């Protein structure tokens, strides 16, 4: 990640990225949440920016959504010298399994809602 970039600038880039994802995915995107080291304020030069993208689509359909945003993600990663790491989550599965899956608990605890 470009260390010379201020957090405010990175936040602006992330918000712009999510705004474009919303346009691409439309109603398929229910919410977007940053989690991990960036959300905790512990990111370093080589850290990625973890983004959970919640949808009603089933996991076996995620590849369709990934195909829709992969070019945009690559473009932002190269243009801004950052590593955006979006992952899709089925919002129903997430809510159902929240109490038993530590990964989901981390998203819930440290996550920052975007947009």
N, C-alpha and C. Protein backbone atom coordinates (compact mmCIF):
# COMPACT_ATOMS: atom_id res chain seq x y z
N UNK A 1 0.85 -1.17 0.00
CA UNK A 1 0.00 0.00 0.00
C UNK A 1 0.89 1.23 0.00
N UNK A 2 0.48 2.24 -0.68
CA UNK A 2 1.25 3.48 -0.74
C UNK A 2 1.25 4.15 0.63
N UNK A 3 2.40 4.10 1.30
CA UNK A 3 2.49 4.67 2.65
C UNK A 3 2.39 6.19 2.65
N UNK A 4 2.75 6.81 1.53
CA UNK A 4 2.73 8.27 1.48
C UNK A 4 1.31 8.82 1.35
N UNK A 5 0.33 7.95 1.29
CA UNK A 5 -1.06 8.36 1.17
C UNK A 5 -1.67 8.52 2.56
N UNK A 6 -2.34 9.61 2.80
CA UNK A 6 -3.01 9.82 4.09
C UNK A 6 -4.28 8.97 4.16
N UNK A 7 -4.70 8.64 5.37
CA UNK A 7 -5.90 7.82 5.56
C UNK A 7 -7.12 8.46 4.91
N UNK A 8 -7.23 9.78 4.99
CA UNK A 8 -8.38 10.47 4.37
C UNK A 8 -8.41 10.23 2.87
N UNK A 9 -7.23 10.24 2.25
CA UNK A 9 -7.15 10.00 0.80
C UNK A 9 -7.53 8.55 0.49
N UNK A 10 -7.02 7.62 1.28
CA UNK A 10 -7.38 6.21 1.09
C UNK A 10 -8.88 5.99 1.30
N UNK A 11 -9.43 6.61 2.33
CA UNK A 11 -10.87 6.49 2.58
C UNK A 11 -11.67 6.98 1.38
N UNK A 12 -11.22 8.07 0.78
CA UNK A 12 -11.90 8.63 -0.39
C UNK A 12 -11.84 7.66 -1.57
N UNK A 13 -10.67 7.05 -1.77
CA UNK A 13 -10.50 6.08 -2.85
C UNK A 13 -11.40 4.87 -2.62
N UNK A 14 -11.45 4.39 -1.39
CA UNK A 14 -12.29 3.23 -1.05
C UNK A 14 -13.76 3.56 -1.27
N UNK A 15 -14.19 4.72 -0.84
CA UNK A 15 -15.59 5.13 -1.04
C UNK A 15 -15.94 5.23 -2.51
N UNK A 16 -15.02 5.76 -3.31
CA UNK A 16 -15.23 5.86 -4.76
C UNK A 16 -15.34 4.46 -5.37
N UNK A 17 -14.45 3.57 -4.95
CA UNK A 17 -14.45 2.18 -5.42
C UNK A 17 -15.79 1.50 -5.11
N UNK A 18 -16.25 1.64 -3.87
CA UNK A 18 -17.52 1.03 -3.46
C UNK A 18 -18.69 1.65 -4.22
N UNK A 19 -18.64 2.93 -4.46
CA UNK A 19 -19.68 3.60 -5.23
C UNK A 19 -19.77 3.00 -6.64
N UNK A 20 -18.62 2.73 -7.24
CA UNK A 20 -18.60 2.12 -8.58
C UNK A 20 -19.09 0.68 -8.53
N UNK A 21 -18.75 -0.03 -7.47
CA UNK A 21 -19.25 -1.40 -7.32
C UNK A 21 -20.77 -1.39 -7.21
N UNK A 22 -21.30 -0.44 -6.46
CA UNK A 22 -22.76 -0.33 -6.33
C UNK A 22 -23.42 -0.13 -7.69
N UNK A 23 -22.79 0.68 -8.54
CA UNK A 23 -23.34 0.91 -9.88
C UNK A 23 -23.28 -0.36 -10.72
N UNK A 24 -22.20 -1.12 -10.57
CA UNK A 24 -22.03 -2.35 -11.35
C UNK A 24 -22.99 -3.44 -10.87
N UNK A 25 -23.08 -3.63 -9.56
CA UNK A 25 -23.86 -4.74 -9.01
C UNK A 25 -25.32 -4.40 -8.75
N UNK A 26 -25.62 -3.12 -8.60
CA UNK A 26 -27.00 -2.71 -8.36
C UNK A 26 -27.57 -3.37 -7.12
N UNK A 27 -28.76 -3.94 -7.27
CA UNK A 27 -29.48 -4.54 -6.15
C UNK A 27 -28.80 -5.78 -5.59
N UNK A 28 -27.82 -6.34 -6.33
CA UNK A 28 -27.11 -7.52 -5.82
C UNK A 28 -26.23 -7.19 -4.62
N UNK A 29 -25.84 -5.92 -4.46
CA UNK A 29 -25.02 -5.52 -3.32
C UNK A 29 -25.92 -4.96 -2.22
N UNK A 30 -25.91 -5.62 -1.08
CA UNK A 30 -26.75 -5.18 0.05
C UNK A 30 -26.00 -4.26 0.99
N UNK A 31 -24.71 -4.54 1.21
CA UNK A 31 -23.87 -3.63 2.00
C UNK A 31 -22.41 -4.01 1.82
N UNK A 32 -21.54 -3.05 2.14
CA UNK A 32 -20.10 -3.25 2.05
C UNK A 32 -19.47 -2.84 3.37
N UNK A 33 -18.54 -3.66 3.84
CA UNK A 33 -17.91 -3.43 5.14
C UNK A 33 -16.40 -3.63 5.02
N UNK A 34 -15.62 -2.65 5.49
CA UNK A 34 -14.17 -2.81 5.59
C UNK A 34 -13.90 -3.49 6.92
N UNK A 35 -12.99 -4.44 6.92
CA UNK A 35 -12.59 -5.10 8.16
C UNK A 35 -11.09 -5.39 8.09
N UNK A 36 -10.54 -6.00 9.09
CA UNK A 36 -9.12 -6.34 9.09
C UNK A 36 -8.25 -5.19 9.56
N UNK A 37 -6.97 -5.25 9.19
CA UNK A 37 -5.99 -4.28 9.71
C UNK A 37 -6.33 -2.84 9.35
N UNK A 38 -6.89 -2.62 8.17
CA UNK A 38 -7.24 -1.24 7.79
C UNK A 38 -8.33 -0.70 8.71
N UNK A 39 -9.33 -1.50 8.98
CA UNK A 39 -10.43 -1.07 9.86
C UNK A 39 -9.94 -0.83 11.29
N UNK A 40 -8.95 -1.62 11.71
CA UNK A 40 -8.41 -1.46 13.06
C UNK A 40 -7.38 -0.33 13.15
N UNK A 41 -6.98 0.22 12.00
CA UNK A 41 -5.95 1.27 11.99
C UNK A 41 -4.55 0.71 12.16
N UNK A 42 -4.37 -0.57 11.85
CA UNK A 42 -3.08 -1.24 12.02
C UNK A 42 -2.43 -1.60 10.68
N UNK A 43 -2.90 -1.02 9.60
CA UNK A 43 -2.37 -1.38 8.29
C UNK A 43 -0.94 -0.87 8.13
N UNK A 44 -0.19 -1.61 7.31
CA UNK A 44 1.19 -1.26 6.99
C UNK A 44 1.34 -1.20 5.48
N UNK A 45 2.55 -0.94 5.02
CA UNK A 45 2.79 -0.75 3.59
C UNK A 45 2.28 -1.92 2.74
N UNK A 46 2.48 -3.13 3.20
CA UNK A 46 2.08 -4.30 2.41
C UNK A 46 0.69 -4.84 2.77
N UNK A 47 -0.02 -4.15 3.63
CA UNK A 47 -1.36 -4.61 4.03
C UNK A 47 -2.35 -4.49 2.87
N UNK A 48 -3.30 -5.41 2.86
CA UNK A 48 -4.40 -5.26 1.92
C UNK A 48 -5.56 -4.59 2.64
N UNK A 49 -6.55 -4.20 1.87
CA UNK A 49 -7.75 -3.59 2.43
C UNK A 49 -8.88 -4.60 2.22
N UNK A 50 -9.26 -5.25 3.32
CA UNK A 50 -10.29 -6.29 3.27
C UNK A 50 -11.67 -5.65 3.21
N UNK A 51 -12.46 -6.08 2.23
CA UNK A 51 -13.80 -5.54 2.05
C UNK A 51 -14.78 -6.70 1.89
N UNK A 52 -15.74 -6.80 2.80
CA UNK A 52 -16.80 -7.80 2.69
C UNK A 52 -17.97 -7.18 1.93
N UNK A 53 -18.37 -7.84 0.86
CA UNK A 53 -19.49 -7.39 0.04
C UNK A 53 -20.65 -8.37 0.27
N UNK A 54 -21.70 -7.88 0.88
CA UNK A 54 -22.83 -8.73 1.26
C UNK A 54 -23.89 -8.74 0.17
N UNK A 55 -24.40 -9.93 -0.09
CA UNK A 55 -25.37 -10.15 -1.16
C UNK A 55 -26.37 -11.23 -0.75
N UNK A 56 -27.45 -11.30 -1.47
CA UNK A 56 -28.40 -12.40 -1.29
C UNK A 56 -28.08 -13.58 -2.21
N UNK A 57 -27.13 -13.38 -3.12
CA UNK A 57 -26.73 -14.47 -4.02
C UNK A 57 -26.14 -15.61 -3.21
N UNK A 58 -26.29 -16.82 -3.74
CA UNK A 58 -25.73 -18.00 -3.09
C UNK A 58 -24.23 -18.09 -3.42
N UNK A 59 -23.45 -18.72 -2.54
CA UNK A 59 -22.01 -18.82 -2.79
C UNK A 59 -21.65 -19.38 -4.16
N UNK A 60 -22.44 -20.31 -4.67
CA UNK A 60 -22.14 -20.87 -5.99
C UNK A 60 -22.35 -19.86 -7.12
N UNK A 61 -22.96 -18.72 -6.81
CA UNK A 61 -23.16 -17.66 -7.80
C UNK A 61 -22.16 -16.51 -7.65
N UNK A 62 -21.29 -16.59 -6.65
CA UNK A 62 -20.35 -15.50 -6.40
C UNK A 62 -19.44 -15.23 -7.59
N UNK A 63 -19.09 -16.30 -8.34
CA UNK A 63 -18.18 -16.10 -9.47
C UNK A 63 -18.75 -15.10 -10.48
N UNK A 64 -20.07 -15.07 -10.62
CA UNK A 64 -20.70 -14.10 -11.53
C UNK A 64 -20.44 -12.67 -11.05
N UNK A 65 -20.54 -12.47 -9.73
CA UNK A 65 -20.30 -11.15 -9.16
C UNK A 65 -18.82 -10.79 -9.23
N UNK A 66 -17.97 -11.77 -8.96
CA UNK A 66 -16.52 -11.53 -9.02
C UNK A 66 -16.13 -11.10 -10.43
N UNK A 67 -16.68 -11.78 -11.43
CA UNK A 67 -16.38 -11.41 -12.82
C UNK A 67 -16.77 -9.97 -13.12
N UNK A 68 -17.85 -9.50 -12.50
CA UNK A 68 -18.33 -8.14 -12.76
C UNK A 68 -17.43 -7.07 -12.16
N UNK A 69 -16.73 -7.39 -11.06
CA UNK A 69 -15.93 -6.35 -10.40
C UNK A 69 -14.42 -6.54 -10.52
N UNK A 70 -13.98 -7.65 -11.11
CA UNK A 70 -12.54 -7.94 -11.13
C UNK A 70 -11.73 -6.90 -11.89
N UNK A 71 -12.24 -6.42 -13.02
CA UNK A 71 -11.51 -5.42 -13.79
C UNK A 71 -11.39 -4.10 -13.02
N UNK A 72 -12.47 -3.69 -12.37
CA UNK A 72 -12.46 -2.47 -11.57
C UNK A 72 -11.46 -2.60 -10.41
N UNK A 73 -11.47 -3.74 -9.74
CA UNK A 73 -10.56 -3.97 -8.62
C UNK A 73 -9.12 -3.90 -9.09
N UNK A 74 -8.81 -4.56 -10.20
CA UNK A 74 -7.46 -4.52 -10.76
C UNK A 74 -7.06 -3.09 -11.09
N UNK A 75 -7.96 -2.36 -11.72
CA UNK A 75 -7.69 -0.96 -12.10
C UNK A 75 -7.32 -0.12 -10.87
N UNK A 76 -8.08 -0.24 -9.81
CA UNK A 76 -7.80 0.53 -8.59
C UNK A 76 -6.50 0.09 -7.92
N UNK A 77 -6.25 -1.21 -7.89
CA UNK A 77 -5.02 -1.71 -7.28
C UNK A 77 -3.79 -1.17 -7.99
N UNK A 78 -3.82 -1.13 -9.31
CA UNK A 78 -2.68 -0.64 -10.08
C UNK A 78 -2.59 0.88 -10.02
N UNK A 79 -3.69 1.56 -10.25
CA UNK A 79 -3.70 3.02 -10.29
C UNK A 79 -3.23 3.66 -8.99
N UNK A 80 -3.66 3.10 -7.86
CA UNK A 80 -3.36 3.71 -6.56
C UNK A 80 -2.31 2.96 -5.75
N UNK A 81 -1.74 1.89 -6.32
CA UNK A 81 -0.72 1.10 -5.64
C UNK A 81 -1.21 0.62 -4.28
N UNK A 82 -2.41 0.06 -4.28
CA UNK A 82 -3.01 -0.49 -3.07
C UNK A 82 -3.47 -1.91 -3.38
N UNK A 83 -3.88 -2.63 -2.37
CA UNK A 83 -4.40 -3.98 -2.57
C UNK A 83 -5.80 -4.06 -1.97
N UNK A 84 -6.79 -3.87 -2.82
CA UNK A 84 -8.18 -4.04 -2.40
C UNK A 84 -8.52 -5.52 -2.50
N UNK A 85 -9.04 -6.08 -1.43
CA UNK A 85 -9.36 -7.51 -1.39
C UNK A 85 -10.84 -7.72 -1.07
N UNK A 86 -11.69 -7.57 -2.09
CA UNK A 86 -13.12 -7.78 -1.85
C UNK A 86 -13.46 -9.27 -1.78
N UNK A 87 -14.34 -9.62 -0.85
CA UNK A 87 -14.87 -10.98 -0.77
C UNK A 87 -16.38 -10.90 -0.62
N UNK A 88 -17.06 -11.80 -1.29
CA UNK A 88 -18.52 -11.82 -1.21
C UNK A 88 -18.97 -12.71 -0.06
N UNK A 89 -20.02 -12.29 0.61
CA UNK A 89 -20.63 -13.05 1.69
C UNK A 89 -22.14 -13.05 1.47
N UNK A 90 -22.74 -14.21 1.63
CA UNK A 90 -24.19 -14.27 1.61
C UNK A 90 -24.69 -13.72 2.94
N UNK A 91 -25.50 -12.70 2.90
CA UNK A 91 -25.91 -11.99 4.11
C UNK A 91 -26.77 -12.87 5.03
N UNK A 92 -27.54 -13.77 4.46
CA UNK A 92 -28.36 -14.67 5.28
C UNK A 92 -27.48 -15.68 6.02
N UNK A 93 -26.51 -16.28 5.30
CA UNK A 93 -25.58 -17.21 5.94
C UNK A 93 -24.76 -16.49 7.02
N UNK A 94 -24.32 -15.29 6.70
CA UNK A 94 -23.54 -14.50 7.66
C UNK A 94 -24.32 -14.28 8.95
N UNK A 95 -25.55 -13.82 8.83
CA UNK A 95 -26.37 -13.55 10.03
C UNK A 95 -26.68 -14.83 10.81
N UNK A 96 -26.88 -15.92 10.09
CA UNK A 96 -27.21 -17.19 10.73
C UNK A 96 -26.00 -17.77 11.48
N UNK A 97 -24.81 -17.58 10.92
CA UNK A 97 -23.60 -18.21 11.47
C UNK A 97 -22.74 -17.26 12.31
N UNK A 98 -23.20 -16.05 12.49
CA UNK A 98 -22.40 -15.02 13.17
C UNK A 98 -21.90 -15.45 14.55
N UNK A 99 -22.72 -16.13 15.30
CA UNK A 99 -22.33 -16.51 16.67
C UNK A 99 -21.30 -17.63 16.73
N UNK A 100 -21.13 -18.37 15.64
CA UNK A 100 -20.23 -19.54 15.69
C UNK A 100 -19.01 -19.46 14.78
N UNK A 101 -18.95 -18.49 13.90
CA UNK A 101 -17.83 -18.39 12.96
C UNK A 101 -16.95 -17.19 13.35
N UNK A 102 -15.74 -17.44 13.84
CA UNK A 102 -14.86 -16.35 14.28
C UNK A 102 -14.59 -15.31 13.19
N UNK A 103 -14.45 -15.74 11.95
CA UNK A 103 -14.23 -14.81 10.84
C UNK A 103 -15.38 -13.80 10.75
N UNK A 104 -16.60 -14.28 10.84
CA UNK A 104 -17.77 -13.40 10.81
C UNK A 104 -17.81 -12.49 12.03
N UNK A 105 -17.40 -13.03 13.17
CA UNK A 105 -17.36 -12.22 14.39
C UNK A 105 -16.36 -11.07 14.26
N UNK A 106 -15.25 -11.33 13.60
CA UNK A 106 -14.26 -10.27 13.36
C UNK A 106 -14.83 -9.17 12.49
N UNK A 107 -15.54 -9.56 11.44
CA UNK A 107 -16.17 -8.57 10.56
C UNK A 107 -17.17 -7.74 11.37
N UNK A 108 -17.96 -8.42 12.19
CA UNK A 108 -18.97 -7.73 13.00
C UNK A 108 -18.33 -6.78 14.01
N UNK A 109 -17.27 -7.22 14.66
CA UNK A 109 -16.64 -6.45 15.73
C UNK A 109 -15.87 -5.24 15.22
N UNK A 110 -15.06 -5.44 14.17
CA UNK A 110 -14.17 -4.37 13.73
C UNK A 110 -14.63 -3.69 12.45
N UNK A 111 -15.67 -4.21 11.84
CA UNK A 111 -16.09 -3.72 10.54
C UNK A 111 -16.58 -2.28 10.52
N UNK A 112 -16.30 -1.63 9.41
CA UNK A 112 -16.74 -0.25 9.17
C UNK A 112 -17.63 -0.26 7.93
N UNK A 113 -18.88 0.10 8.10
CA UNK A 113 -19.83 0.14 6.98
C UNK A 113 -19.41 1.23 6.01
N UNK A 114 -19.41 0.91 4.71
CA UNK A 114 -19.03 1.87 3.68
C UNK A 114 -20.27 2.26 2.90
N UNK A 115 -20.38 3.52 2.61
CA UNK A 115 -21.46 4.01 1.76
C UNK A 115 -22.78 3.89 2.42
